[in-house]
Amino acid sequence: MKAKVYVTIKQSVLDPQGVAVQGALHSLGFEEVESLRVGKYMELELGDVSQEAAGERVKEMCEKLLANTVVEDYRYELEG
């Protein structure tokens, strides 16, 4: 089973890295970029577990380590 985890800064939180990347894109001539937010993407290979158990474990991993839930949102997808 594979889990894909996406972590992003909450919309209400300033994203200085996103602002810096947006500014760099503008300086390279990509003026059409109106907004940019930077996040994290992770792939986890899980052992032989049920879909339900995998979902519970991945949620627990996100809450305890993979995402800082004070300033970040997360979502995940399960495959397999």
PDB file of N, CA and C in Angstrom:
ATOM      1  N   MET A   1       0.854  -1.170   0.000  1.00  0.00           N
ATOM      2  CA  MET A   1       0.000   0.000   0.000  1.00  0.00           C
ATOM      3  C   MET A   1       0.898   1.230   0.000  1.00  0.00           C
ATOM      4  N   LYS A   2       0.543   2.218  -0.799  1.00  0.00           N
ATOM      5  CA  LYS A   2       1.293   3.460  -0.869  1.00  0.00           C
ATOM      6  C   LYS A   2       0.406   4.610  -0.399  1.00  0.00           C
ATOM      7  N   ALA A   3       0.986   5.502   0.392  1.00  0.00           N
ATOM      8  CA  ALA A   3       0.281   6.713   0.822  1.00  0.00           C
ATOM      9  C   ALA A   3       1.016   7.911   0.248  1.00  0.00           C
ATOM     10  N   LYS A   4       0.269   8.826  -0.338  1.00  0.00           N
ATOM     11  CA  LYS A   4       0.814  10.091  -0.822  1.00  0.00           C
ATOM     12  C   LYS A   4       0.284  11.183   0.092  1.00  0.00           C
ATOM     13  N   VAL A   5       1.203  11.934   0.710  1.00  0.00           N
ATOM     14  CA  VAL A   5       0.824  12.953   1.690  1.00  0.00           C
ATOM     15  C   VAL A   5       1.219  14.329   1.147  1.00  0.00           C
ATOM     16  N   TYR A   6       0.278  15.263   1.185  1.00  0.00           N
ATOM     17  CA  TYR A   6       0.500  16.632   0.735  1.00  0.00           C
ATOM     18  C   TYR A   6       0.323  17.556   1.942  1.00  0.00           C
ATOM     19  N   VAL A   7       1.327  18.366   2.232  1.00  0.00           N
ATOM     20  CA  VAL A   7       1.281  19.288   3.364  1.00  0.00           C
ATOM     21  C   VAL A   7       1.457  20.702   2.821  1.00  0.00           C
ATOM     22  N   THR A   8       0.553  21.609   3.189  1.00  0.00           N
ATOM     23  CA  THR A   8       0.627  22.994   2.735  1.00  0.00           C
ATOM     24  C   THR A   8       0.402  23.945   3.901  1.00  0.00           C
ATOM     25  N   ILE A   9       0.957  25.130   3.766  1.00  0.00           N
ATOM     26  CA  ILE A   9       0.735  26.181   4.756  1.00  0.00           C
ATOM     27  C   ILE A   9      -0.740  26.589   4.690  1.00  0.00           C
ATOM     28  N   LYS A  10      -1.369  26.785   5.847  1.00  0.00           N
ATOM     29  CA  LYS A  10      -2.769  27.221   5.877  1.00  0.00           C
ATOM     30  C   LYS A  10      -2.900  28.568   5.167  1.00  0.00           C
ATOM     31  N   GLN A  11      -4.047  28.790   4.544  1.00  0.00           N
ATOM     32  CA  GLN A  11      -4.289  30.024   3.797  1.00  0.00           C
ATOM     33  C   GLN A  11      -4.159  31.264   4.680  1.00  0.00           C
ATOM     34  N   SER A  12      -4.448  31.137   5.957  1.00  0.00           N
ATOM     35  CA  SER A  12      -4.403  32.289   6.864  1.00  0.00           C
ATOM     36  C   SER A  12      -2.989  32.608   7.352  1.00  0.00           C
ATOM     37  N   VAL A  13      -1.994  31.797   6.943  1.00  0.00           N
ATOM     38  CA  VAL A  13      -0.617  31.967   7.404  1.00  0.00           C
ATOM     39  C   VAL A  13       0.237  32.494   6.250  1.00  0.00           C
ATOM     40  N   LEU A  14       1.046  33.507   6.521  1.00  0.00           N
ATOM     41  CA  LEU A  14       1.957  34.051   5.523  1.00  0.00           C
ATOM     42  C   LEU A  14       2.958  32.978   5.093  1.00  0.00           C
ATOM     43  N   ASP A  15       3.207  32.876   3.798  1.00  0.00           N
ATOM     44  CA  ASP A  15       4.145  31.901   3.250  1.00  0.00           C
ATOM     45  C   ASP A  15       5.326  32.649   2.624  1.00  0.00           C
ATOM     46  N   PRO A  16       6.358  32.994   3.422  1.00  0.00           N
ATOM     47  CA  PRO A  16       7.470  33.769   2.882  1.00  0.00           C
ATOM     48  C   PRO A  16       8.236  33.040   1.777  1.00  0.00           C
ATOM     49  N   GLN A  17       8.322  31.721   1.850  1.00  0.00           N
ATOM     50  CA  GLN A  17       9.001  30.979   0.788  1.00  0.00           C
ATOM     51  C   GLN A  17       8.212  31.087  -0.513  1.00  0.00           C
ATOM     52  N   GLY A  18       6.903  31.000  -0.420  1.00  0.00           N
ATOM     53  CA  GLY A  18       6.061  31.155  -1.604  1.00  0.00           C
ATOM     54  C   GLY A  18       6.198  32.535  -2.216  1.00  0.00           C
ATOM     55  N   VAL A  19       6.259  33.569  -1.377  1.00  0.00           N
ATOM     56  CA  VAL A  19       6.429  34.945  -1.854  1.00  0.00           C
ATOM     57  C   VAL A  19       7.779  35.087  -2.565  1.00  0.00           C
ATOM     58  N   ALA A  20       8.836  34.491  -2.001  1.00  0.00           N
ATOM     59  CA  ALA A  20      10.165  34.561  -2.606  1.00  0.00           C
ATOM     60  C   ALA A  20      10.195  33.861  -3.966  1.00  0.00           C
ATOM     61  N   VAL A  21       9.581  32.690  -4.057  1.00  0.00           N
ATOM     62  CA  VAL A  21       9.561  31.960  -5.323  1.00  0.00           C
ATOM     63  C   VAL A  21       8.736  32.723  -6.355  1.00  0.00           C
ATOM     64  N   GLN A  22       7.622  33.289  -5.930  1.00  0.00           N
ATOM     65  CA  GLN A  22       6.799  34.086  -6.845  1.00  0.00           C
ATOM     66  C   GLN A  22       7.601  35.271  -7.378  1.00  0.00           C
ATOM     67  N   GLY A  23       8.342  35.953  -6.495  1.00  0.00           N
ATOM     68  CA  GLY A  23       9.174  37.078  -6.917  1.00  0.00           C
ATOM     69  C   GLY A  23      10.242  36.648  -7.907  1.00  0.00           C
ATOM     70  N   ALA A  24      10.844  35.471  -7.669  1.00  0.00           N
ATOM     71  CA  ALA A  24      11.860  34.959  -8.587  1.00  0.00           C
ATOM     72  C   ALA A  24      11.250  34.642  -9.957  1.00  0.00           C
ATOM     73  N   LEU A  25      10.067  34.070  -9.961  1.00  0.00           N
ATOM     74  CA  LEU A  25       9.396  33.790 -11.227  1.00  0.00           C
ATOM     75  C   LEU A  25       9.097  35.085 -11.977  1.00  0.00           C
ATOM     76  N   HIS A  26       8.650  36.107 -11.268  1.00  0.00           N
ATOM     77  CA  HIS A  26       8.385  37.399 -11.893  1.00  0.00           C
ATOM     78  C   HIS A  26       9.662  37.961 -12.512  1.00  0.00           C
ATOM     79  N   SER A  27      10.779  37.850 -11.785  1.00  0.00           N
ATOM     80  CA  SER A  27      12.039  38.384 -12.304  1.00  0.00           C
ATOM     81  C   SER A  27      12.517  37.604 -13.533  1.00  0.00           C
ATOM     82  N   LEU A  28      12.038  36.375 -13.708  1.00  0.00           N
ATOM     83  CA  LEU A  28      12.369  35.576 -14.887  1.00  0.00           C
ATOM     84  C   LEU A  28      11.375  35.782 -16.025  1.00  0.00           C
ATOM     85  N   GLY A  29      10.409  36.672 -15.814  1.00  0.00           N
ATOM     86  CA  GLY A  29       9.464  36.993 -16.873  1.00  0.00           C
ATOM     87  C   GLY A  29       8.135  36.278 -16.794  1.00  0.00           C
ATOM     88  N   PHE A  30       7.875  35.566 -15.718  1.00  0.00           N
ATOM     89  CA  PHE A  30       6.596  34.854 -15.559  1.00  0.00           C
ATOM     90  C   PHE A  30       5.635  35.709 -14.730  1.00  0.00           C
ATOM     91  N   GLU A  31       5.255  36.841 -15.279  1.00  0.00           N
ATOM     92  CA  GLU A  31       4.411  37.816 -14.578  1.00  0.00           C
ATOM     93  C   GLU A  31       2.990  37.314 -14.336  1.00  0.00           C
ATOM     94  N   GLU A  32       2.563  36.284 -15.053  1.00  0.00           N
ATOM     95  CA  GLU A  32       1.188  35.791 -14.908  1.00  0.00           C
ATOM     96  C   GLU A  32       0.947  35.067 -13.584  1.00  0.00           C
ATOM     97  N   VAL A  33       2.007  34.752 -12.833  1.00  0.00           N
ATOM     98  CA  VAL A  33       1.848  34.073 -11.547  1.00  0.00           C
ATOM     99  C   VAL A  33       1.329  35.093 -10.528  1.00  0.00           C
ATOM    100  N   GLU A  34       0.079  34.934 -10.134  1.00  0.00           N
ATOM    101  CA  GLU A  34      -0.559  35.875  -9.212  1.00  0.00           C
ATOM    102  C   GLU A  34      -0.380  35.484  -7.753  1.00  0.00           C
ATOM    103  N   SER A  35      -0.196  34.203  -7.495  1.00  0.00           N
ATOM    104  CA  SER A  35      -0.059  33.717  -6.131  1.00  0.00           C
ATOM    105  C   SER A  35       0.669  32.383  -6.168  1.00  0.00           C
ATOM    106  N   LEU A  36       1.465  32.127  -5.137  1.00  0.00           N
ATOM    107  CA  LEU A  36       2.199  30.869  -5.081  1.00  0.00           C
ATOM    108  C   LEU A  36       2.370  30.470  -3.628  1.00  0.00           C
ATOM    109  N   ARG A  37       2.104  29.217  -3.321  1.00  0.00           N
ATOM    110  CA  ARG A  37       2.286  28.673  -1.980  1.00  0.00           C
ATOM    111  C   ARG A  37       3.174  27.442  -2.112  1.00  0.00           C
ATOM    112  N   VAL A  38       4.113  27.290  -1.222  1.00  0.00           N
ATOM    113  CA  VAL A  38       5.038  26.171  -1.244  1.00  0.00           C
ATOM    114  C   VAL A  38       4.585  25.138  -0.213  1.00  0.00           C
ATOM    115  N   GLY A  39       4.702  23.870  -0.565  1.00  0.00           N
ATOM    116  CA  GLY A  39       4.315  22.803   0.353  1.00  0.00           C
ATOM    117  C   GLY A  39       5.286  21.648   0.302  1.00  0.00           C
ATOM    118  N   LYS A  40       4.881  20.537   0.901  1.00  0.00           N
ATOM    119  CA  LYS A  40       5.698  19.325   0.935  1.00  0.00           C
ATOM    120  C   LYS A  40       4.881  18.169   0.371  1.00  0.00           C
ATOM    121  N   TYR A  41       5.586  17.256  -0.275  1.00  0.00           N
ATOM    122  CA  TYR A  41       4.964  16.049  -0.808  1.00  0.00           C
ATOM    123  C   TYR A  41       5.781  14.856  -0.332  1.00  0.00           C
ATOM    124  N   MET A  42       5.125  13.841   0.184  1.00  0.00           N
ATOM    125  CA  MET A  42       5.802  12.650   0.677  1.00  0.00           C
ATOM    126  C   MET A  42       5.099  11.396   0.177  1.00  0.00           C
ATOM    127  N   GLU A  43       5.876  10.375  -0.131  1.00  0.00           N
ATOM    128  CA  GLU A  43       5.326   9.063  -0.472  1.00  0.00           C
ATOM    129  C   GLU A  43       5.779   8.071   0.586  1.00  0.00           C
ATOM    130  N   LEU A  44       4.843   7.328   1.128  1.00  0.00           N
ATOM    131  CA  LEU A  44       5.150   6.322   2.146  1.00  0.00           C
ATOM    132  C   LEU A  44       4.733   4.961   1.618  1.00  0.00           C
ATOM    133  N   GLU A  45       5.628   4.015   1.676  1.00  0.00           N
ATOM    134  CA  GLU A  45       5.290   2.626   1.356  1.00  0.00           C
ATOM    135  C   GLU A  45       4.909   1.952   2.667  1.00  0.00           C
ATOM    136  N   LEU A  46       3.688   1.471   2.738  1.00  0.00           N
ATOM    137  CA  LEU A  46       3.191   0.824   3.943  1.00  0.00           C
ATOM    138  C   LEU A  46       3.160  -0.685   3.731  1.00  0.00           C
ATOM    139  N   GLY A  47       3.288  -1.413   4.793  1.00  0.00           N
ATOM    140  CA  GLY A  47       3.241  -2.872   4.719  1.00  0.00           C
ATOM    141  C   GLY A  47       1.851  -3.373   4.373  1.00  0.00           C
ATOM    142  N   ASP A  48       1.637  -4.614   4.620  1.00  0.00           N
ATOM    143  CA  ASP A  48       0.375  -5.277   4.315  1.00  0.00           C
ATOM    144  C   ASP A  48      -0.668  -4.894   5.364  1.00  0.00           C
ATOM    145  N   VAL A  49      -1.363  -3.788   5.097  1.00  0.00           N
ATOM    146  CA  VAL A  49      -2.405  -3.314   6.016  1.00  0.00           C
ATOM    147  C   VAL A  49      -3.676  -3.036   5.217  1.00  0.00           C
ATOM    148  N   SER A  50      -4.790  -3.057   5.886  1.00  0.00           N
ATOM    149  CA  SER A  50      -6.056  -2.757   5.216  1.00  0.00           C
ATOM    150  C   SER A  50      -6.124  -1.267   4.888  1.00  0.00           C
ATOM    151  N   GLN A  51      -6.992  -0.927   3.972  1.00  0.00           N
ATOM    152  CA  GLN A  51      -7.198   0.473   3.581  1.00  0.00           C
ATOM    153  C   GLN A  51      -7.597   1.299   4.807  1.00  0.00           C
ATOM    154  N   GLU A  52      -8.492   0.777   5.612  1.00  0.00           N
ATOM    155  CA  GLU A  52      -8.961   1.490   6.802  1.00  0.00           C
ATOM    156  C   GLU A  52      -7.826   1.709   7.797  1.00  0.00           C
ATOM    157  N   ALA A  53      -7.050   0.666   8.076  1.00  0.00           N
ATOM    158  CA  ALA A  53      -5.932   0.779   9.021  1.00  0.00           C
ATOM    159  C   ALA A  53      -4.870   1.726   8.485  1.00  0.00           C
ATOM    160  N   ALA A  54      -4.603   1.667   7.179  1.00  0.00           N
ATOM    161  CA  ALA A  54      -3.608   2.563   6.571  1.00  0.00           C
ATOM    162  C   ALA A  54      -4.042   4.012   6.731  1.00  0.00           C
ATOM    163  N   GLY A  55      -5.311   4.291   6.488  1.00  0.00           N
ATOM    164  CA  GLY A  55      -5.811   5.652   6.637  1.00  0.00           C
ATOM    165  C   GLY A  55      -5.656   6.164   8.060  1.00  0.00           C
ATOM    166  N   GLU A  56      -5.984   5.321   9.010  1.00  0.00           N
ATOM    167  CA  GLU A  56      -5.854   5.720  10.419  1.00  0.00           C
ATOM    168  C   GLU A  56      -4.399   5.986  10.786  1.00  0.00           C
ATOM    169  N   ARG A  57      -3.487   5.112  10.326  1.00  0.00           N
ATOM    170  CA  ARG A  57      -2.070   5.259  10.660  1.00  0.00           C
ATOM    171  C   ARG A  57      -1.461   6.490   9.990  1.00  0.00           C
ATOM    172  N   VAL A  58      -1.808   6.730   8.736  1.00  0.00           N
ATOM    173  CA  VAL A  58      -1.265   7.902   8.035  1.00  0.00           C
ATOM    174  C   VAL A  58      -1.771   9.182   8.686  1.00  0.00           C
ATOM    175  N   LYS A  59      -3.035   9.212   9.055  1.00  0.00           N
ATOM    176  CA  LYS A  59      -3.568  10.386   9.752  1.00  0.00           C
ATOM    177  C   LYS A  59      -2.801  10.620  11.048  1.00  0.00           C
ATOM    178  N   GLU A  60      -2.537   9.563  11.783  1.00  0.00           N
ATOM    179  CA  GLU A  60      -1.794   9.670  13.035  1.00  0.00           C
ATOM    180  C   GLU A  60      -0.367  10.182  12.780  1.00  0.00           C
ATOM    181  N   MET A  61       0.272   9.682  11.720  1.00  0.00           N
ATOM    182  CA  MET A  61       1.622  10.153  11.366  1.00  0.00           C
ATOM    183  C   MET A  61       1.626  11.639  11.043  1.00  0.00           C
ATOM    184  N   CYS A  62       0.618  12.066  10.303  1.00  0.00           N
ATOM    185  CA  CYS A  62       0.517  13.481   9.943  1.00  0.00           C
ATOM    186  C   CYS A  62       0.316  14.352  11.179  1.00  0.00           C
ATOM    187  N   GLU A  63      -0.577  13.923  12.046  1.00  0.00           N
ATOM    188  CA  GLU A  63      -0.880  14.697  13.245  1.00  0.00           C
ATOM    189  C   GLU A  63       0.307  14.774  14.208  1.00  0.00           C
ATOM    190  N   LYS A  64       1.111  13.705  14.265  1.00  0.00           N
ATOM    191  CA  LYS A  64       2.205  13.654  15.239  1.00  0.00           C
ATOM    192  C   LYS A  64       3.534  14.172  14.708  1.00  0.00           C
ATOM    193  N   LEU A  65       3.776  14.075  13.382  1.00  0.00           N
ATOM    194  CA  LEU A  65       5.103  14.419  12.885  1.00  0.00           C
ATOM    195  C   LEU A  65       5.128  15.101  11.520  1.00  0.00           C
ATOM    196  N   LEU A  66       4.406  14.586  10.559  1.00  0.00           N
ATOM    197  CA  LEU A  66       4.578  15.042   9.183  1.00  0.00           C
ATOM    198  C   LEU A  66       4.055  16.444   8.915  1.00  0.00           C
ATOM    199  N   ALA A  67       3.079  16.901   9.691  1.00  0.00           N
ATOM    200  CA  ALA A  67       2.521  18.243   9.508  1.00  0.00           C
ATOM    201  C   ALA A  67       2.446  18.951  10.853  1.00  0.00           C
ATOM    202  N   ASN A  68       2.750  20.227  10.839  1.00  0.00           N
ATOM    203  CA  ASN A  68       2.547  21.068  12.021  1.00  0.00           C
ATOM    204  C   ASN A  68       1.136  21.628  11.892  1.00  0.00           C
ATOM    205  N   THR A  69       0.189  20.981  12.530  1.00  0.00           N
ATOM    206  CA  THR A  69      -1.226  21.302  12.313  1.00  0.00           C
ATOM    207  C   THR A  69      -1.630  22.685  12.822  1.00  0.00           C
ATOM    208  N   VAL A  70      -0.743  23.369  13.527  1.00  0.00           N
ATOM    209  CA  VAL A  70      -1.036  24.745  13.939  1.00  0.00           C
ATOM    210  C   VAL A  70      -1.002  25.668  12.724  1.00  0.00           C
ATOM    211  N   VAL A  71      -0.044  25.438  11.814  1.00  0.00           N
ATOM    212  CA  VAL A  71       0.126  26.335  10.663  1.00  0.00           C
ATOM    213  C   VAL A  71      -0.004  25.622   9.316  1.00  0.00           C
ATOM    214  N   GLU A  72      -0.158  24.300   9.330  1.00  0.00           N
ATOM    215  CA  GLU A  72      -0.224  23.550   8.077  1.00  0.00           C
ATOM    216  C   GLU A  72      -1.478  22.694   7.990  1.00  0.00           C
ATOM    217  N   ASP A  73      -1.950  22.531   6.758  1.00  0.00           N
ATOM    218  CA  ASP A  73      -3.014  21.579   6.436  1.00  0.00           C
ATOM    219  C   ASP A  73      -2.384  20.392   5.757  1.00  0.00           C
ATOM    220  N   TYR A  74      -3.039  19.255   5.805  1.00  0.00           N
ATOM    221  CA  TYR A  74      -2.559  18.078   5.085  1.00  0.00           C
ATOM    222  C   TYR A  74      -3.721  17.318   4.495  1.00  0.00           C
ATOM    223  N   ARG A  75      -3.393  16.554   3.474  1.00  0.00           N
ATOM    224  CA  ARG A  75      -4.333  15.591   2.908  1.00  0.00           C
ATOM    225  C   ARG A  75      -3.507  14.416   2.420  1.00  0.00           C
ATOM    226  N   TYR A  76      -4.151  13.281   2.259  1.00  0.00           N
ATOM    227  CA  TYR A  76      -3.423  12.108   1.786  1.00  0.00           C
ATOM    228  C   TYR A  76      -4.310  11.270   0.878  1.00  0.00           C
ATOM    229  N   GLU A  77      -3.639  10.490   0.042  1.00  0.00           N
ATOM    230  CA  GLU A  77      -4.294   9.541  -0.849  1.00  0.00           C
ATOM    231  C   GLU A  77      -3.666   8.176  -0.609  1.00  0.00           C
ATOM    232  N   LEU A  78      -4.480   7.159  -0.665  1.00  0.00           N
ATOM    233  CA  LEU A  78      -3.991   5.788  -0.517  1.00  0.00           C
ATOM    234  C   LEU A  78      -4.138   5.050  -1.827  1.00  0.00           C
ATOM    235  N   GLU A  79      -3.108   4.302  -2.199  1.00  0.00           N
ATOM    236  CA  GLU A  79      -3.136   3.477  -3.413  1.00  0.00           C
ATOM    237  C   GLU A  79      -2.796   2.039  -3.062  1.00  0.00           C
ATOM    238  N   GLY A  80      -3.507   1.139  -3.652  1.00  0.00           N
ATOM    239  CA  GLY A  80      -3.175  -0.264  -3.467  1.00  0.00           C
ATOM    240  C   GLY A  80      -4.127  -0.937  -2.574  1.00  0.00           C
TER     241      GLY A  80
END
